[in-house]
All heavy atoms as atom14 arrays in JSON, in Angstrom:
{
  "sequence": "STVLLKNTVPSAEGRFRIAMAKPETQDVAISLKVEPALVSTYN",
  "atom14_mask": [
    [1, 1, 1, 1, 1, 1, 0, 0, 0, 0, 0, 0, 0, 0],
    [1, 1, 1, 1, 1, 1, 1, 0, 0, 0, 0, 0, 0, 0],
    [1, 1, 1, 1, 1, 1, 1, 0, 0, 0, 0, 0, 0, 0],
    [1, 1, 1, 1, 1, 1, 1, 1, 0, 0, 0, 0, 0, 0],
    [1, 1, 1, 1, 1, 1, 1, 1, 0, 0, 0, 0, 0, 0],
    [1, 1, 1, 1, 1, 1, 1, 1, 1, 0, 0, 0, 0, 0],
    [1, 1, 1, 1, 1, 1, 1, 1, 0, 0, 0, 0, 0, 0],
    [1, 1, 1, 1, 1, 1, 1, 0, 0, 0, 0, 0, 0, 0],
    [1, 1, 1, 1, 1, 1, 1, 0, 0, 0, 0, 0, 0, 0],
    [1, 1, 1, 1, 1, 1, 1, 0, 0, 0, 0, 0, 0, 0],
    [1, 1, 1, 1, 1, 1, 0, 0, 0, 0, 0, 0, 0, 0],
    [1, 1, 1, 1, 1, 0, 0, 0, 0, 0, 0, 0, 0, 0],
    [1, 1, 1, 1, 1, 1, 1, 1, 1, 0, 0, 0, 0, 0],
    [1, 1, 1, 1, 0, 0, 0, 0, 0, 0, 0, 0, 0, 0],
    [1, 1, 1, 1, 1, 1, 1, 1, 1, 1, 1, 0, 0, 0],
    [1, 1, 1, 1, 1, 1, 1, 1, 1, 1, 1, 0, 0, 0],
    [1, 1, 1, 1, 1, 1, 1, 1, 1, 1, 1, 0, 0, 0],
    [1, 1, 1, 1, 1, 1, 1, 1, 0, 0, 0, 0, 0, 0],
    [1, 1, 1, 1, 1, 0, 0, 0, 0, 0, 0, 0, 0, 0],
    [1, 1, 1, 1, 1, 1, 1, 1, 0, 0, 0, 0, 0, 0],
    [1, 1, 1, 1, 1, 0, 0, 0, 0, 0, 0, 0, 0, 0],
    [1, 1, 1, 1, 1, 1, 1, 1, 1, 0, 0, 0, 0, 0],
    [1, 1, 1, 1, 1, 1, 1, 0, 0, 0, 0, 0, 0, 0],
    [1, 1, 1, 1, 1, 1, 1, 1, 1, 0, 0, 0, 0, 0],
    [1, 1, 1, 1, 1, 1, 1, 0, 0, 0, 0, 0, 0, 0],
    [1, 1, 1, 1, 1, 1, 1, 1, 1, 0, 0, 0, 0, 0],
    [1, 1, 1, 1, 1, 1, 1, 1, 0, 0, 0, 0, 0, 0],
    [1, 1, 1, 1, 1, 1, 1, 0, 0, 0, 0, 0, 0, 0],
    [1, 1, 1, 1, 1, 0, 0, 0, 0, 0, 0, 0, 0, 0],
    [1, 1, 1, 1, 1, 1, 1, 1, 0, 0, 0, 0, 0, 0],
    [1, 1, 1, 1, 1, 1, 0, 0, 0, 0, 0, 0, 0, 0],
    [1, 1, 1, 1, 1, 1, 1, 1, 0, 0, 0, 0, 0, 0],
    [1, 1, 1, 1, 1, 1, 1, 1, 1, 0, 0, 0, 0, 0],
    [1, 1, 1, 1, 1, 1, 1, 0, 0, 0, 0, 0, 0, 0],
    [1, 1, 1, 1, 1, 1, 1, 1, 1, 0, 0, 0, 0, 0],
    [1, 1, 1, 1, 1, 1, 1, 0, 0, 0, 0, 0, 0, 0],
    [1, 1, 1, 1, 1, 0, 0, 0, 0, 0, 0, 0, 0, 0],
    [1, 1, 1, 1, 1, 1, 1, 1, 0, 0, 0, 0, 0, 0],
    [1, 1, 1, 1, 1, 1, 1, 0, 0, 0, 0, 0, 0, 0],
    [1, 1, 1, 1, 1, 1, 0, 0, 0, 0, 0, 0, 0, 0],
    [1, 1, 1, 1, 1, 1, 1, 0, 0, 0, 0, 0, 0, 0],
    [1, 1, 1, 1, 1, 1, 1, 1, 1, 1, 1, 1, 0, 0],
    [1, 1, 1, 1, 1, 1, 1, 1, 0, 0, 0, 0, 0, 0]
  ],
  "atom14_positions": [
    [[82.59, 111.86, 147.87], [83.5, 111.37, 148.89], [84.4, 112.5, 149.28], [85.01, 113.16, 148.42], [84.3, 110.16, 148.33], [85.25, 109.79, 149.29], [0.0, 0.0, 0.0], [0.0, 0.0, 0.0], [0.0, 0.0, 0.0], [0.0, 0.0, 0.0], [0.0, 0.0, 0.0], [0.0, 0.0, 0.0], [0.0, 0.0, 0.0], [0.0, 0.0, 0.0]],
    [[84.57, 112.74, 150.58], [85.32, 113.95, 151.05], [86.71, 113.58, 151.49], [86.85, 112.57, 152.27], [84.61, 114.61, 152.2], [83.3, 115.05, 151.76], [85.33, 115.84, 152.7], [0.0, 0.0, 0.0], [0.0, 0.0, 0.0], [0.0, 0.0, 0.0], [0.0, 0.0, 0.0], [0.0, 0.0, 0.0], [0.0, 0.0, 0.0], [0.0, 0.0, 0.0]],
    [[87.69, 114.23, 151.0], [89.07, 114.12, 151.49], [89.46, 115.37, 152.28], [89.33, 116.49, 151.79], [90.05, 113.93, 150.35], [91.5, 113.87, 150.82], [89.66, 112.76, 149.58], [0.0, 0.0, 0.0], [0.0, 0.0, 0.0], [0.0, 0.0, 0.0], [0.0, 0.0, 0.0], [0.0, 0.0, 0.0], [0.0, 0.0, 0.0], [0.0, 0.0, 0.0]],
    [[89.73, 115.19, 153.58], [90.12, 116.34, 154.51], [91.6, 116.7, 154.33], [92.47, 115.79, 154.47], [89.74, 116.03, 155.93], [88.21, 115.83, 156.21], [87.96, 115.38, 157.62], [87.4, 117.02, 155.87], [0.0, 0.0, 0.0], [0.0, 0.0, 0.0], [0.0, 0.0, 0.0], [0.0, 0.0, 0.0], [0.0, 0.0, 0.0], [0.0, 0.0, 0.0]],
    [[91.82, 117.93, 154.11], [93.22, 118.42, 153.97], [93.84, 118.64, 155.29], [93.3, 119.44, 156.05], [93.28, 119.65, 153.12], [92.57, 119.5, 151.64], [92.65, 120.88, 150.96], [93.35, 118.44, 150.84], [0.0, 0.0, 0.0], [0.0, 0.0, 0.0], [0.0, 0.0, 0.0], [0.0, 0.0, 0.0], [0.0, 0.0, 0.0], [0.0, 0.0, 0.0]],
    [[94.9, 117.95, 155.62], [95.64, 118.15, 156.85], [97.15, 118.34, 156.51], [97.67, 117.64, 155.68], [95.45, 117.03, 157.8], [93.99, 116.77, 158.24], [93.96, 115.54, 159.17], [92.59, 115.25, 159.54], [92.43, 114.07, 160.5], [0.0, 0.0, 0.0], [0.0, 0.0, 0.0], [0.0, 0.0, 0.0], [0.0, 0.0, 0.0], [0.0, 0.0, 0.0]],
    [[97.81, 119.17, 157.29], [99.27, 119.34, 157.06], [100.04, 118.02, 157.23], [101.06, 117.91, 156.69], [99.81, 120.5, 158.0], [99.28, 121.82, 157.6], [98.97, 122.04, 156.44], [99.18, 122.74, 158.58], [0.0, 0.0, 0.0], [0.0, 0.0, 0.0], [0.0, 0.0, 0.0], [0.0, 0.0, 0.0], [0.0, 0.0, 0.0], [0.0, 0.0, 0.0]],
    [[99.49, 117.19, 158.04], [100.24, 115.97, 158.44], [99.91, 114.81, 157.49], [100.48, 113.72, 157.63], [99.97, 115.48, 159.84], [98.52, 115.35, 160.04], [100.41, 116.59, 160.84], [0.0, 0.0, 0.0], [0.0, 0.0, 0.0], [0.0, 0.0, 0.0], [0.0, 0.0, 0.0], [0.0, 0.0, 0.0], [0.0, 0.0, 0.0], [0.0, 0.0, 0.0]],
    [[98.98, 115.01, 156.54], [98.6, 113.96, 155.6], [98.99, 114.36, 154.11], [98.33, 115.17, 153.5], [97.12, 113.66, 155.69], [96.69, 112.53, 154.78], [96.72, 113.33, 157.14], [0.0, 0.0, 0.0], [0.0, 0.0, 0.0], [0.0, 0.0, 0.0], [0.0, 0.0, 0.0], [0.0, 0.0, 0.0], [0.0, 0.0, 0.0], [0.0, 0.0, 0.0]],
    [[100.02, 113.84, 153.55], [100.49, 114.23, 152.22], [99.74, 113.7, 151.06], [99.76, 114.25, 150.01], [101.99, 113.78, 152.25], [102.05, 112.55, 153.18], [100.99, 112.86, 154.21], [0.0, 0.0, 0.0], [0.0, 0.0, 0.0], [0.0, 0.0, 0.0], [0.0, 0.0, 0.0], [0.0, 0.0, 0.0], [0.0, 0.0, 0.0], [0.0, 0.0, 0.0]],
    [[99.14, 112.56, 151.32], [98.41, 111.89, 150.18], [97.17, 111.15, 150.66], [96.96, 110.93, 151.87], [99.33, 110.91, 149.47], [99.78, 109.89, 150.36], [0.0, 0.0, 0.0], [0.0, 0.0, 0.0], [0.0, 0.0, 0.0], [0.0, 0.0, 0.0], [0.0, 0.0, 0.0], [0.0, 0.0, 0.0], [0.0, 0.0, 0.0], [0.0, 0.0, 0.0]],
    [[96.35, 110.77, 149.74], [95.14, 109.97, 149.98], [94.64, 109.22, 148.72], [95.24, 109.49, 147.69], [93.96, 110.91, 150.46], [0.0, 0.0, 0.0], [0.0, 0.0, 0.0], [0.0, 0.0, 0.0], [0.0, 0.0, 0.0], [0.0, 0.0, 0.0], [0.0, 0.0, 0.0], [0.0, 0.0, 0.0], [0.0, 0.0, 0.0], [0.0, 0.0, 0.0]],
    [[93.79, 108.32, 148.95], [93.3, 107.51, 147.77], [91.89, 107.24, 147.84], [91.25, 107.1, 148.94], [94.08, 106.14, 147.68], [93.73, 105.31, 146.56], [94.54, 103.98, 146.41], [95.24, 103.73, 147.44], [94.5, 103.37, 145.4], [0.0, 0.0, 0.0], [0.0, 0.0, 0.0], [0.0, 0.0, 0.0], [0.0, 0.0, 0.0], [0.0, 0.0, 0.0]],
    [[91.23, 107.36, 146.65], [89.78, 107.03, 146.65], [89.57, 105.77, 145.7], [90.25, 105.61, 144.74], [0.0, 0.0, 0.0], [0.0, 0.0, 0.0], [0.0, 0.0, 0.0], [0.0, 0.0, 0.0], [0.0, 0.0, 0.0], [0.0, 0.0, 0.0], [0.0, 0.0, 0.0], [0.0, 0.0, 0.0], [0.0, 0.0, 0.0], [0.0, 0.0, 0.0]],
    [[88.56, 104.97, 146.05], [88.26, 103.76, 145.27], [86.71, 103.63, 145.11], [85.96, 103.88, 146.03], [88.86, 102.52, 145.89], [90.34, 102.51, 145.99], [90.82, 101.25, 146.71], [92.3, 101.16, 146.79], [92.98, 100.56, 145.85], [92.5, 99.98, 144.76], [94.32, 100.47, 145.95], [0.0, 0.0, 0.0], [0.0, 0.0, 0.0], [0.0, 0.0, 0.0]],
    [[86.35, 103.24, 143.93], [84.92, 102.82, 143.72], [84.88, 101.81, 142.57], [85.83, 101.6, 141.88], [84.05, 104.12, 143.46], [84.38, 104.82, 142.13], [83.77, 104.52, 140.99], [85.36, 105.82, 142.2], [84.06, 105.24, 139.79], [85.7, 106.55, 141.01], [85.06, 106.24, 139.84], [0.0, 0.0, 0.0], [0.0, 0.0, 0.0], [0.0, 0.0, 0.0]],
    [[83.63, 101.25, 142.33], [83.47, 100.28, 141.18], [82.24, 100.76, 140.31], [81.41, 101.57, 140.82], [83.16, 98.9, 141.82], [84.36, 98.24, 142.66], [83.86, 96.97, 143.16], [84.89, 96.42, 144.1], [85.87, 95.53, 143.75], [85.9, 95.15, 142.46], [86.65, 95.02, 144.61], [0.0, 0.0, 0.0], [0.0, 0.0, 0.0], [0.0, 0.0, 0.0]],
    [[82.25, 100.16, 139.2], [81.07, 100.32, 138.31], [80.3, 99.1, 138.35], [80.79, 97.99, 138.34], [81.59, 100.63, 136.9], [82.54, 101.83, 136.77], [80.38, 100.88, 135.96], [81.92, 103.09, 137.34], [0.0, 0.0, 0.0], [0.0, 0.0, 0.0], [0.0, 0.0, 0.0], [0.0, 0.0, 0.0], [0.0, 0.0, 0.0], [0.0, 0.0, 0.0]],
    [[78.99, 99.19, 138.42], [78.12, 98.06, 138.63], [76.96, 98.1, 137.55], [76.73, 99.13, 136.86], [77.51, 97.99, 140.06], [0.0, 0.0, 0.0], [0.0, 0.0, 0.0], [0.0, 0.0, 0.0], [0.0, 0.0, 0.0], [0.0, 0.0, 0.0], [0.0, 0.0, 0.0], [0.0, 0.0, 0.0], [0.0, 0.0, 0.0], [0.0, 0.0, 0.0]],
    [[76.23, 96.94, 137.43], [75.02, 96.93, 136.6], [74.1, 95.85, 137.25], [74.48, 95.13, 138.18], [75.35, 96.54, 135.15], [76.0, 95.21, 134.99], [76.44, 95.05, 133.21], [77.37, 93.42, 133.34], [0.0, 0.0, 0.0], [0.0, 0.0, 0.0], [0.0, 0.0, 0.0], [0.0, 0.0, 0.0], [0.0, 0.0, 0.0], [0.0, 0.0, 0.0]],
    [[72.83, 95.94, 136.79], [71.81, 95.24, 137.52], [71.92, 93.64, 137.36], [71.71, 92.93, 138.25], [70.39, 95.7, 137.02], [0.0, 0.0, 0.0], [0.0, 0.0, 0.0], [0.0, 0.0, 0.0], [0.0, 0.0, 0.0], [0.0, 0.0, 0.0], [0.0, 0.0, 0.0], [0.0, 0.0, 0.0], [0.0, 0.0, 0.0], [0.0, 0.0, 0.0]],
    [[72.32, 93.22, 136.15], [72.45, 91.8, 135.87], [73.56, 91.54, 134.93], [74.01, 92.36, 134.15], [71.09, 91.25, 135.31], [70.7, 91.9, 133.97], [69.34, 91.33, 133.45], [69.03, 91.99, 132.07], [67.79, 91.4, 131.53], [0.0, 0.0, 0.0], [0.0, 0.0, 0.0], [0.0, 0.0, 0.0], [0.0, 0.0, 0.0], [0.0, 0.0, 0.0]],
    [[74.07, 90.29, 134.9], [75.25, 89.99, 134.09], [74.88, 89.99, 132.59], [73.75, 89.91, 132.16], [75.6, 88.55, 134.5], [74.91, 88.33, 135.76], [73.71, 89.18, 135.76], [0.0, 0.0, 0.0], [0.0, 0.0, 0.0], [0.0, 0.0, 0.0], [0.0, 0.0, 0.0], [0.0, 0.0, 0.0], [0.0, 0.0, 0.0], [0.0, 0.0, 0.0]],
    [[75.95, 90.31, 131.79], [75.81, 90.28, 130.33], [76.5, 89.07, 129.8], [77.31, 88.41, 130.55], [76.43, 91.55, 129.74], [75.64, 92.85, 130.03], [74.35, 93.0, 129.16], [74.35, 92.26, 128.16], [73.49, 93.72, 129.6], [0.0, 0.0, 0.0], [0.0, 0.0, 0.0], [0.0, 0.0, 0.0], [0.0, 0.0, 0.0], [0.0, 0.0, 0.0]],
    [[76.34, 88.81, 128.57], [76.9, 87.54, 127.93], [78.27, 87.91, 127.3], [78.85, 87.11, 126.65], [75.97, 87.02, 126.94], [75.66, 88.0, 125.9], [74.69, 86.5, 127.5], [0.0, 0.0, 0.0], [0.0, 0.0, 0.0], [0.0, 0.0, 0.0], [0.0, 0.0, 0.0], [0.0, 0.0, 0.0], [0.0, 0.0, 0.0], [0.0, 0.0, 0.0]],
    [[78.71, 89.11, 127.48], [80.07, 89.54, 127.01], [80.58, 90.57, 128.01], [79.82, 91.16, 128.81], [79.97, 90.1, 125.63], [79.05, 91.34, 125.5], [78.99, 91.89, 124.18], [79.65, 91.47, 123.22], [78.09, 92.99, 124.0], [0.0, 0.0, 0.0], [0.0, 0.0, 0.0], [0.0, 0.0, 0.0], [0.0, 0.0, 0.0], [0.0, 0.0, 0.0]],
    [[81.86, 90.73, 127.97], [82.5, 91.73, 128.77], [81.89, 93.11, 128.44], [81.6, 93.46, 127.31], [84.05, 91.84, 128.54], [84.79, 90.6, 129.1], [84.07, 89.79, 129.78], [86.02, 90.57, 129.02], [0.0, 0.0, 0.0], [0.0, 0.0, 0.0], [0.0, 0.0, 0.0], [0.0, 0.0, 0.0], [0.0, 0.0, 0.0], [0.0, 0.0, 0.0]],
    [[81.76, 93.92, 129.57], [81.34, 95.29, 129.32], [82.48, 96.22, 129.54], [83.16, 96.15, 130.64], [80.26, 95.7, 130.39], [79.84, 97.15, 130.26], [79.0, 94.82, 130.19], [0.0, 0.0, 0.0], [0.0, 0.0, 0.0], [0.0, 0.0, 0.0], [0.0, 0.0, 0.0], [0.0, 0.0, 0.0], [0.0, 0.0, 0.0], [0.0, 0.0, 0.0]],
    [[82.91, 96.88, 128.48], [84.1, 97.73, 128.5], [83.72, 99.21, 128.88], [82.66, 99.69, 128.24], [84.79, 97.73, 127.13], [0.0, 0.0, 0.0], [0.0, 0.0, 0.0], [0.0, 0.0, 0.0], [0.0, 0.0, 0.0], [0.0, 0.0, 0.0], [0.0, 0.0, 0.0], [0.0, 0.0, 0.0], [0.0, 0.0, 0.0], [0.0, 0.0, 0.0]],
    [[84.34, 99.78, 129.82], [84.03, 101.09, 130.33], [85.2, 102.05, 130.34], [86.27, 101.68, 130.76], [83.4, 101.02, 131.78], [82.23, 99.99, 131.84], [83.02, 102.33, 132.34], [82.01, 99.41, 133.17], [0.0, 0.0, 0.0], [0.0, 0.0, 0.0], [0.0, 0.0, 0.0], [0.0, 0.0, 0.0], [0.0, 0.0, 0.0], [0.0, 0.0, 0.0]],
    [[85.04, 103.21, 129.86], [86.12, 104.25, 129.94], [85.6, 105.38, 130.86], [84.43, 105.67, 130.88], [86.57, 104.8, 128.62], [85.39, 105.38, 127.99], [0.0, 0.0, 0.0], [0.0, 0.0, 0.0], [0.0, 0.0, 0.0], [0.0, 0.0, 0.0], [0.0, 0.0, 0.0], [0.0, 0.0, 0.0], [0.0, 0.0, 0.0], [0.0, 0.0, 0.0]],
    [[86.59, 105.92, 131.64], [86.21, 107.01, 132.61], [87.08, 108.2, 132.3], [88.11, 108.05, 131.62], [86.47, 106.56, 133.97], [85.66, 105.3, 134.46], [86.58, 104.17, 134.63], [84.83, 105.65, 135.69], [0.0, 0.0, 0.0], [0.0, 0.0, 0.0], [0.0, 0.0, 0.0], [0.0, 0.0, 0.0], [0.0, 0.0, 0.0], [0.0, 0.0, 0.0]],
    [[86.62, 109.37, 132.73], [87.4, 110.59, 132.53], [87.08, 111.53, 133.65], [86.05, 111.48, 134.28], [87.18, 111.21, 131.17], [85.72, 111.78, 130.99], [85.63, 112.45, 129.67], [84.19, 113.11, 129.54], [84.04, 113.82, 128.22], [0.0, 0.0, 0.0], [0.0, 0.0, 0.0], [0.0, 0.0, 0.0], [0.0, 0.0, 0.0], [0.0, 0.0, 0.0]],
    [[88.05, 112.5, 133.83], [87.75, 113.65, 134.7], [87.04, 114.71, 133.88], [87.43, 115.07, 132.76], [89.11, 114.25, 135.26], [88.84, 115.52, 136.03], [89.78, 113.2, 136.15], [0.0, 0.0, 0.0], [0.0, 0.0, 0.0], [0.0, 0.0, 0.0], [0.0, 0.0, 0.0], [0.0, 0.0, 0.0], [0.0, 0.0, 0.0], [0.0, 0.0, 0.0]],
    [[85.89, 115.17, 134.38], [85.13, 116.16, 133.6], [84.95, 117.44, 134.45], [84.04, 117.62, 135.27], [83.69, 115.56, 133.31], [82.88, 116.55, 132.52], [83.55, 117.01, 131.21], [83.51, 116.31, 130.27], [84.05, 118.14, 131.33], [0.0, 0.0, 0.0], [0.0, 0.0, 0.0], [0.0, 0.0, 0.0], [0.0, 0.0, 0.0], [0.0, 0.0, 0.0]],
    [[85.84, 118.47, 134.22], [85.74, 119.68, 135.04], [84.44, 120.4, 134.9], [84.02, 121.08, 135.84], [86.91, 120.46, 134.44], [87.82, 119.52, 133.8], [86.97, 118.38, 133.32], [0.0, 0.0, 0.0], [0.0, 0.0, 0.0], [0.0, 0.0, 0.0], [0.0, 0.0, 0.0], [0.0, 0.0, 0.0], [0.0, 0.0, 0.0], [0.0, 0.0, 0.0]],
    [[83.76, 120.3, 133.76], [82.51, 120.96, 133.6], [81.41, 120.64, 134.59], [80.51, 121.42, 134.9], [81.99, 120.85, 132.14], [0.0, 0.0, 0.0], [0.0, 0.0, 0.0], [0.0, 0.0, 0.0], [0.0, 0.0, 0.0], [0.0, 0.0, 0.0], [0.0, 0.0, 0.0], [0.0, 0.0, 0.0], [0.0, 0.0, 0.0], [0.0, 0.0, 0.0]],
    [[81.58, 119.41, 135.15], [80.59, 118.93, 136.19], [80.72, 119.57, 137.5], [79.89, 119.38, 138.39], [80.64, 117.45, 136.26], [80.19, 116.66, 135.04], [80.41, 115.14, 135.2], [78.74, 116.91, 134.74], [0.0, 0.0, 0.0], [0.0, 0.0, 0.0], [0.0, 0.0, 0.0], [0.0, 0.0, 0.0], [0.0, 0.0, 0.0], [0.0, 0.0, 0.0]],
    [[81.76, 120.42, 137.79], [81.88, 121.09, 138.98], [80.66, 121.98, 139.22], [80.16, 122.19, 140.34], [83.23, 121.87, 139.14], [83.22, 122.81, 140.32], [84.37, 120.89, 139.07], [0.0, 0.0, 0.0], [0.0, 0.0, 0.0], [0.0, 0.0, 0.0], [0.0, 0.0, 0.0], [0.0, 0.0, 0.0], [0.0, 0.0, 0.0], [0.0, 0.0, 0.0]],
    [[80.19, 122.64, 138.14], [79.04, 123.53, 138.25], [77.79, 122.7, 138.65], [76.92, 123.22, 139.42], [78.78, 124.2, 136.92], [78.6, 123.27, 135.89], [0.0, 0.0, 0.0], [0.0, 0.0, 0.0], [0.0, 0.0, 0.0], [0.0, 0.0, 0.0], [0.0, 0.0, 0.0], [0.0, 0.0, 0.0], [0.0, 0.0, 0.0], [0.0, 0.0, 0.0]],
    [[77.69, 121.45, 138.18], [76.56, 120.65, 138.64], [76.69, 120.37, 140.14], [75.65, 120.4, 140.9], [76.61, 119.3, 137.89], [76.58, 119.48, 136.47], [75.4, 118.41, 138.31], [0.0, 0.0, 0.0], [0.0, 0.0, 0.0], [0.0, 0.0, 0.0], [0.0, 0.0, 0.0], [0.0, 0.0, 0.0], [0.0, 0.0, 0.0], [0.0, 0.0, 0.0]],
    [[77.94, 120.01, 140.62], [78.08, 119.84, 142.06], [77.69, 121.16, 142.85], [77.02, 121.09, 143.87], [79.51, 119.46, 142.35], [79.86, 119.5, 143.82], [79.59, 118.36, 144.6], [80.4, 120.61, 144.42], [79.9, 118.4, 145.99], [80.66, 120.58, 145.81], [80.43, 119.51, 146.58], [80.73, 119.54, 147.89], [0.0, 0.0, 0.0], [0.0, 0.0, 0.0]],
    [[78.2, 122.31, 142.39], [77.9, 123.52, 143.11], [76.45, 123.82, 143.19], [75.86, 124.32, 144.19], [78.66, 124.72, 142.48], [80.14, 124.7, 142.8], [80.53, 124.13, 143.8], [80.93, 125.23, 141.88], [0.0, 0.0, 0.0], [0.0, 0.0, 0.0], [0.0, 0.0, 0.0], [0.0, 0.0, 0.0], [0.0, 0.0, 0.0], [0.0, 0.0, 0.0]]
  ]
}
């Protein structure tokens, strides 16, 4: 998802969800993190 930098835009927000193919019989707990090492994968 691309955020374009403009002098007139001080802030922005991104949103997404986590999904799965079918429901489970209990809550699915998920933790997320920022992973700088994956920048090399993007490049």
